[in-house]
Amino acid sequence: MAFHSYNNGQQYFNGSFFWGLTTMLLMNRAYSGAFMDISPLTTRPLRGFAFFLMGASINVFVNVASLGEQGYLKGEYNLERRVAENEHTHAVLKTLGHQLDKRGMSVFDANPR
């Protein structure tokens, strides 16, 4: 089972792109004076990127606070990550064993090429 099927912390970043883009466009509006004028973004792209990161960061902080209030703790995230890693490792080893049995080989056999 893949890690994304667990609560892997993705909910911390939900909405980050939207709020980063919204913040960037609103701050661009404040600098240019016109809603559709993107000349401040093209002349100073680093400033636009900084505004995007500011909006995305604020969104992450709000998500972390709201998830903390709901009882989602860092320990649960680490536990779920370890469970997912263990299941992935088990699936890889199971597939490896099946492929070796199918070829009549052992883990310690040399490469037949």
N, C-alpha and C. Protein backbone atom coordinates (compact mmCIF):
# COMPACT_ATOMS: atom_id res chain seq x y z
N MET A 1 0.85 -1.18 0.00
CA MET A 1 0.00 0.00 0.00
C MET A 1 0.89 1.24 0.00
N ALA A 2 0.52 2.21 -0.74
CA ALA A 2 1.36 3.40 -0.91
C ALA A 2 1.20 4.36 0.27
N PHE A 3 2.21 5.20 0.42
CA PHE A 3 2.24 6.15 1.52
C PHE A 3 1.10 7.16 1.41
N HIS A 4 0.66 7.48 0.19
CA HIS A 4 -0.39 8.47 0.04
C HIS A 4 -1.74 7.99 0.56
N SER A 5 -1.85 6.69 0.84
CA SER A 5 -3.11 6.20 1.37
C SER A 5 -3.24 6.45 2.87
N TYR A 6 -2.17 6.88 3.48
CA TYR A 6 -2.19 7.22 4.90
C TYR A 6 -2.25 8.74 5.06
N ASN A 7 -2.44 9.18 6.27
CA ASN A 7 -2.39 10.62 6.53
C ASN A 7 -0.93 11.04 6.54
N ASN A 8 -0.40 11.36 5.38
CA ASN A 8 1.03 11.56 5.24
C ASN A 8 1.45 13.02 5.32
N GLY A 9 0.60 13.88 5.80
CA GLY A 9 0.99 15.27 5.91
C GLY A 9 0.60 16.10 4.71
N GLN A 10 0.00 15.48 3.71
CA GLN A 10 -0.42 16.24 2.52
C GLN A 10 -1.44 17.30 2.90
N GLN A 11 -2.24 17.02 3.92
CA GLN A 11 -3.27 17.99 4.29
C GLN A 11 -2.66 19.29 4.82
N TYR A 12 -1.38 19.27 5.19
CA TYR A 12 -0.73 20.52 5.57
C TYR A 12 -0.64 21.47 4.39
N PHE A 13 -0.52 20.93 3.18
CA PHE A 13 -0.29 21.75 2.00
C PHE A 13 -1.54 21.96 1.15
N ASN A 14 -2.68 21.46 1.60
CA ASN A 14 -3.91 21.64 0.83
C ASN A 14 -4.21 23.12 0.65
N GLY A 15 -4.38 23.54 -0.58
CA GLY A 15 -4.73 24.93 -0.88
C GLY A 15 -3.54 25.85 -0.99
N SER A 16 -2.32 25.36 -0.85
CA SER A 16 -1.15 26.25 -0.87
C SER A 16 -0.96 26.91 -2.22
N PHE A 17 -1.15 26.18 -3.30
CA PHE A 17 -0.98 26.77 -4.62
C PHE A 17 -2.01 27.86 -4.86
N PHE A 18 -3.26 27.58 -4.50
CA PHE A 18 -4.32 28.56 -4.70
C PHE A 18 -4.05 29.85 -3.92
N TRP A 19 -3.72 29.71 -2.64
CA TRP A 19 -3.51 30.91 -1.83
C TRP A 19 -2.21 31.61 -2.17
N GLY A 20 -1.20 30.87 -2.60
CA GLY A 20 0.02 31.50 -3.07
C GLY A 20 -0.22 32.32 -4.32
N LEU A 21 -0.96 31.75 -5.27
CA LEU A 21 -1.27 32.46 -6.50
C LEU A 21 -2.17 33.66 -6.23
N THR A 22 -3.16 33.48 -5.36
CA THR A 22 -4.05 34.59 -5.02
C THR A 22 -3.29 35.73 -4.37
N THR A 23 -2.40 35.42 -3.44
CA THR A 23 -1.61 36.46 -2.78
C THR A 23 -0.71 37.16 -3.79
N MET A 24 -0.09 36.40 -4.67
CA MET A 24 0.78 37.00 -5.68
C MET A 24 -0.01 37.95 -6.57
N LEU A 25 -1.20 37.55 -7.01
CA LEU A 25 -1.98 38.42 -7.88
C LEU A 25 -2.52 39.64 -7.15
N LEU A 26 -2.91 39.48 -5.89
CA LEU A 26 -3.41 40.64 -5.14
C LEU A 26 -2.30 41.63 -4.82
N MET A 27 -1.13 41.12 -4.49
CA MET A 27 0.00 42.04 -4.25
C MET A 27 0.45 42.69 -5.54
N ASN A 28 0.35 41.98 -6.66
CA ASN A 28 0.64 42.57 -7.95
C ASN A 28 -0.33 43.70 -8.24
N ARG A 29 -1.61 43.47 -7.90
CA ARG A 29 -2.63 44.51 -8.07
C ARG A 29 -2.29 45.74 -7.24
N ALA A 30 -1.77 45.53 -6.04
CA ALA A 30 -1.41 46.66 -5.19
C ALA A 30 -0.24 47.45 -5.78
N TYR A 31 0.70 46.77 -6.42
CA TYR A 31 1.85 47.46 -7.00
C TYR A 31 1.53 48.13 -8.33
N SER A 32 0.67 47.51 -9.14
CA SER A 32 0.43 48.04 -10.48
C SER A 32 -0.75 48.99 -10.54
N GLY A 33 -1.73 48.81 -9.69
CA GLY A 33 -2.91 49.66 -9.72
C GLY A 33 -3.99 49.15 -10.65
N ALA A 34 -3.69 48.15 -11.45
CA ALA A 34 -4.68 47.57 -12.36
C ALA A 34 -4.70 46.06 -12.14
N PHE A 35 -5.89 45.48 -12.22
CA PHE A 35 -6.02 44.06 -11.88
C PHE A 35 -5.32 43.16 -12.88
N MET A 36 -5.43 43.44 -14.16
CA MET A 36 -4.88 42.56 -15.18
C MET A 36 -3.47 42.96 -15.62
N ASP A 37 -2.89 43.97 -15.04
CA ASP A 37 -1.54 44.40 -15.42
C ASP A 37 -0.52 43.53 -14.67
N ILE A 38 0.25 42.74 -15.42
CA ILE A 38 1.24 41.87 -14.78
C ILE A 38 2.66 42.38 -14.99
N SER A 39 2.80 43.63 -15.36
CA SER A 39 4.15 44.16 -15.60
C SER A 39 5.03 44.12 -14.35
N PRO A 40 4.51 44.34 -13.13
CA PRO A 40 5.40 44.19 -11.97
C PRO A 40 5.94 42.76 -11.80
N LEU A 41 5.15 41.76 -12.22
CA LEU A 41 5.62 40.38 -12.12
C LEU A 41 6.68 40.08 -13.16
N THR A 42 6.56 40.67 -14.34
CA THR A 42 7.55 40.40 -15.38
C THR A 42 8.83 41.19 -15.17
N THR A 43 8.72 42.37 -14.57
CA THR A 43 9.94 43.15 -14.32
C THR A 43 10.67 42.70 -13.07
N ARG A 44 9.94 42.24 -12.06
CA ARG A 44 10.56 41.76 -10.82
C ARG A 44 9.99 40.38 -10.47
N PRO A 45 10.41 39.33 -11.17
CA PRO A 45 9.84 38.00 -10.90
C PRO A 45 10.18 37.47 -9.51
N LEU A 46 11.30 37.89 -8.96
CA LEU A 46 11.66 37.44 -7.61
C LEU A 46 10.66 37.96 -6.59
N ARG A 47 10.20 39.18 -6.77
CA ARG A 47 9.20 39.74 -5.87
C ARG A 47 7.90 38.95 -5.98
N GLY A 48 7.51 38.60 -7.20
CA GLY A 48 6.30 37.80 -7.40
C GLY A 48 6.43 36.43 -6.74
N PHE A 49 7.60 35.82 -6.88
CA PHE A 49 7.84 34.53 -6.24
C PHE A 49 7.79 34.65 -4.72
N ALA A 50 8.33 35.75 -4.20
CA ALA A 50 8.29 35.97 -2.75
C ALA A 50 6.86 36.12 -2.26
N PHE A 51 6.03 36.83 -3.03
CA PHE A 51 4.62 36.96 -2.66
C PHE A 51 3.90 35.61 -2.71
N PHE A 52 4.24 34.80 -3.73
CA PHE A 52 3.65 33.47 -3.82
C PHE A 52 4.02 32.64 -2.59
N LEU A 53 5.31 32.67 -2.23
CA LEU A 53 5.75 31.90 -1.06
C LEU A 53 5.10 32.42 0.23
N MET A 54 4.91 33.72 0.31
CA MET A 54 4.27 34.29 1.50
C MET A 54 2.84 33.75 1.64
N GLY A 55 2.07 33.75 0.55
CA GLY A 55 0.71 33.24 0.60
C GLY A 55 0.65 31.75 0.90
N ALA A 56 1.56 30.98 0.27
CA ALA A 56 1.60 29.54 0.51
C ALA A 56 2.00 29.25 1.96
N SER A 57 2.95 30.01 2.49
CA SER A 57 3.40 29.79 3.87
C SER A 57 2.30 30.12 4.87
N ILE A 58 1.59 31.19 4.64
CA ILE A 58 0.48 31.53 5.53
C ILE A 58 -0.56 30.42 5.51
N ASN A 59 -0.83 29.89 4.33
CA ASN A 59 -1.78 28.79 4.22
C ASN A 59 -1.31 27.57 5.01
N VAL A 60 -0.03 27.23 4.92
CA VAL A 60 0.50 26.08 5.65
C VAL A 60 0.39 26.30 7.15
N PHE A 61 0.71 27.50 7.62
CA PHE A 61 0.60 27.80 9.05
C PHE A 61 -0.84 27.66 9.53
N VAL A 62 -1.79 28.14 8.75
CA VAL A 62 -3.19 28.02 9.12
C VAL A 62 -3.61 26.55 9.14
N ASN A 63 -3.17 25.77 8.15
CA ASN A 63 -3.50 24.35 8.12
C ASN A 63 -2.90 23.61 9.31
N VAL A 64 -1.66 23.92 9.65
CA VAL A 64 -1.01 23.27 10.79
C VAL A 64 -1.78 23.59 12.08
N ALA A 65 -2.17 24.84 12.24
CA ALA A 65 -2.92 25.22 13.44
C ALA A 65 -4.27 24.52 13.51
N SER A 66 -4.98 24.48 12.38
CA SER A 66 -6.31 23.85 12.40
C SER A 66 -6.20 22.33 12.59
N LEU A 67 -5.18 21.71 12.00
CA LEU A 67 -5.01 20.26 12.21
C LEU A 67 -4.58 19.96 13.64
N GLY A 68 -3.80 20.86 14.24
CA GLY A 68 -3.42 20.68 15.65
C GLY A 68 -4.63 20.74 16.56
N GLU A 69 -5.57 21.62 16.23
CA GLU A 69 -6.80 21.71 17.02
C GLU A 69 -7.66 20.46 16.86
N GLN A 70 -7.55 19.80 15.71
CA GLN A 70 -8.33 18.58 15.48
C GLN A 70 -7.67 17.36 16.10
N GLY A 71 -6.47 17.51 16.64
CA GLY A 71 -5.80 16.41 17.31
C GLY A 71 -4.83 15.64 16.44
N TYR A 72 -4.49 16.17 15.28
CA TYR A 72 -3.52 15.50 14.40
C TYR A 72 -2.13 15.87 14.87
N LEU A 73 -1.39 14.89 15.37
CA LEU A 73 -0.10 15.14 16.00
C LEU A 73 1.04 14.63 15.14
N LYS A 74 2.23 15.14 15.41
CA LYS A 74 3.42 14.74 14.65
C LYS A 74 3.73 13.26 14.87
N GLY A 75 3.49 12.75 16.06
CA GLY A 75 3.74 11.35 16.34
C GLY A 75 2.90 10.42 15.47
N GLU A 76 1.65 10.81 15.23
CA GLU A 76 0.80 10.01 14.35
C GLU A 76 1.34 10.03 12.92
N TYR A 77 1.81 11.18 12.48
CA TYR A 77 2.38 11.28 11.13
C TYR A 77 3.59 10.35 11.00
N ASN A 78 4.48 10.37 12.00
CA ASN A 78 5.67 9.52 11.94
C ASN A 78 5.30 8.04 11.98
N LEU A 79 4.33 7.68 12.80
CA LEU A 79 3.89 6.29 12.87
C LEU A 79 3.31 5.83 11.53
N GLU A 80 2.45 6.64 10.94
CA GLU A 80 1.84 6.27 9.67
C GLU A 80 2.88 6.20 8.56
N ARG A 81 3.89 7.06 8.61
CA ARG A 81 4.96 7.00 7.60
C ARG A 81 5.76 5.70 7.75
N ARG A 82 6.06 5.31 8.98
CA ARG A 82 6.81 4.06 9.18
C ARG A 82 5.99 2.85 8.73
N VAL A 83 4.70 2.84 9.01
CA VAL A 83 3.85 1.73 8.57
C VAL A 83 3.85 1.65 7.05
N ALA A 84 3.73 2.78 6.38
CA ALA A 84 3.73 2.78 4.92
C ALA A 84 5.07 2.32 4.37
N GLU A 85 6.17 2.76 4.98
CA GLU A 85 7.50 2.32 4.53
C GLU A 85 7.66 0.81 4.72
N ASN A 86 7.18 0.28 5.84
CA ASN A 86 7.28 -1.15 6.08
C ASN A 86 6.46 -1.95 5.07
N GLU A 87 5.28 -1.46 4.77
CA GLU A 87 4.45 -2.16 3.79
C GLU A 87 5.08 -2.11 2.40
N HIS A 88 5.68 -1.00 2.06
CA HIS A 88 6.36 -0.89 0.77
C HIS A 88 7.55 -1.85 0.70
N THR A 89 8.35 -1.88 1.76
CA THR A 89 9.50 -2.78 1.80
C THR A 89 9.04 -4.23 1.68
N HIS A 90 7.97 -4.57 2.38
CA HIS A 90 7.44 -5.94 2.32
C HIS A 90 7.01 -6.28 0.89
N ALA A 91 6.35 -5.33 0.21
CA ALA A 91 5.90 -5.58 -1.16
C ALA A 91 7.08 -5.77 -2.10
N VAL A 92 8.14 -4.98 -1.93
CA VAL A 92 9.33 -5.11 -2.78
C VAL A 92 9.99 -6.47 -2.56
N LEU A 93 10.15 -6.87 -1.30
CA LEU A 93 10.78 -8.16 -1.00
C LEU A 93 9.93 -9.33 -1.50
N LYS A 94 8.63 -9.21 -1.39
CA LYS A 94 7.75 -10.26 -1.88
C LYS A 94 7.88 -10.40 -3.41
N THR A 95 7.93 -9.28 -4.11
CA THR A 95 8.10 -9.30 -5.56
C THR A 95 9.46 -9.86 -5.93
N LEU A 96 10.49 -9.48 -5.20
CA LEU A 96 11.84 -9.98 -5.46
C LEU A 96 11.88 -11.51 -5.28
N GLY A 97 11.30 -11.99 -4.20
CA GLY A 97 11.27 -13.43 -3.96
C GLY A 97 10.52 -14.16 -5.06
N HIS A 98 9.39 -13.60 -5.49
CA HIS A 98 8.62 -14.23 -6.56
C HIS A 98 9.43 -14.28 -7.86
N GLN A 99 10.11 -13.19 -8.20
CA GLN A 99 10.90 -13.15 -9.44
C GLN A 99 12.09 -14.12 -9.38
N LEU A 100 12.71 -14.23 -8.23
CA LEU A 100 13.83 -15.17 -8.09
C LEU A 100 13.35 -16.61 -8.19
N ASP A 101 12.20 -16.93 -7.56
CA ASP A 101 11.65 -18.28 -7.67
C ASP A 101 11.28 -18.60 -9.12
N LYS A 102 10.74 -17.63 -9.79
CA LYS A 102 10.34 -17.82 -11.18
C LYS A 102 11.55 -18.14 -12.07
N ARG A 103 12.69 -17.54 -11.77
CA ARG A 103 13.90 -17.76 -12.55
C ARG A 103 14.77 -18.90 -12.00
N GLY A 104 14.38 -19.46 -10.87
CA GLY A 104 15.14 -20.54 -10.27
C GLY A 104 16.48 -20.07 -9.72
N MET A 105 16.50 -18.84 -9.20
CA MET A 105 17.74 -18.26 -8.70
C MET A 105 17.65 -18.06 -7.20
N SER A 106 18.78 -17.74 -6.62
CA SER A 106 18.86 -17.40 -5.21
C SER A 106 19.31 -15.94 -5.09
N VAL A 107 19.11 -15.37 -3.94
CA VAL A 107 19.56 -14.00 -3.71
C VAL A 107 21.07 -13.90 -3.85
N PHE A 108 21.77 -15.00 -3.56
CA PHE A 108 23.23 -14.97 -3.56
C PHE A 108 23.84 -15.41 -4.89
N ASP A 109 23.01 -15.74 -5.88
CA ASP A 109 23.54 -16.12 -7.18
C ASP A 109 24.15 -14.90 -7.88
N ALA A 110 25.15 -15.18 -8.69
CA ALA A 110 25.78 -14.11 -9.47
C ALA A 110 24.87 -13.75 -10.65
N ASN A 111 25.11 -12.60 -11.21
CA ASN A 111 24.36 -12.18 -12.38
C ASN A 111 24.68 -13.12 -13.54
N PRO A 112 23.68 -13.77 -14.15
CA PRO A 112 23.97 -14.78 -15.18
C PRO A 112 24.46 -14.21 -16.50
N ARG A 113 24.47 -12.90 -16.67
CA ARG A 113 24.94 -12.33 -17.94
C ARG A 113 26.42 -12.47 -18.12
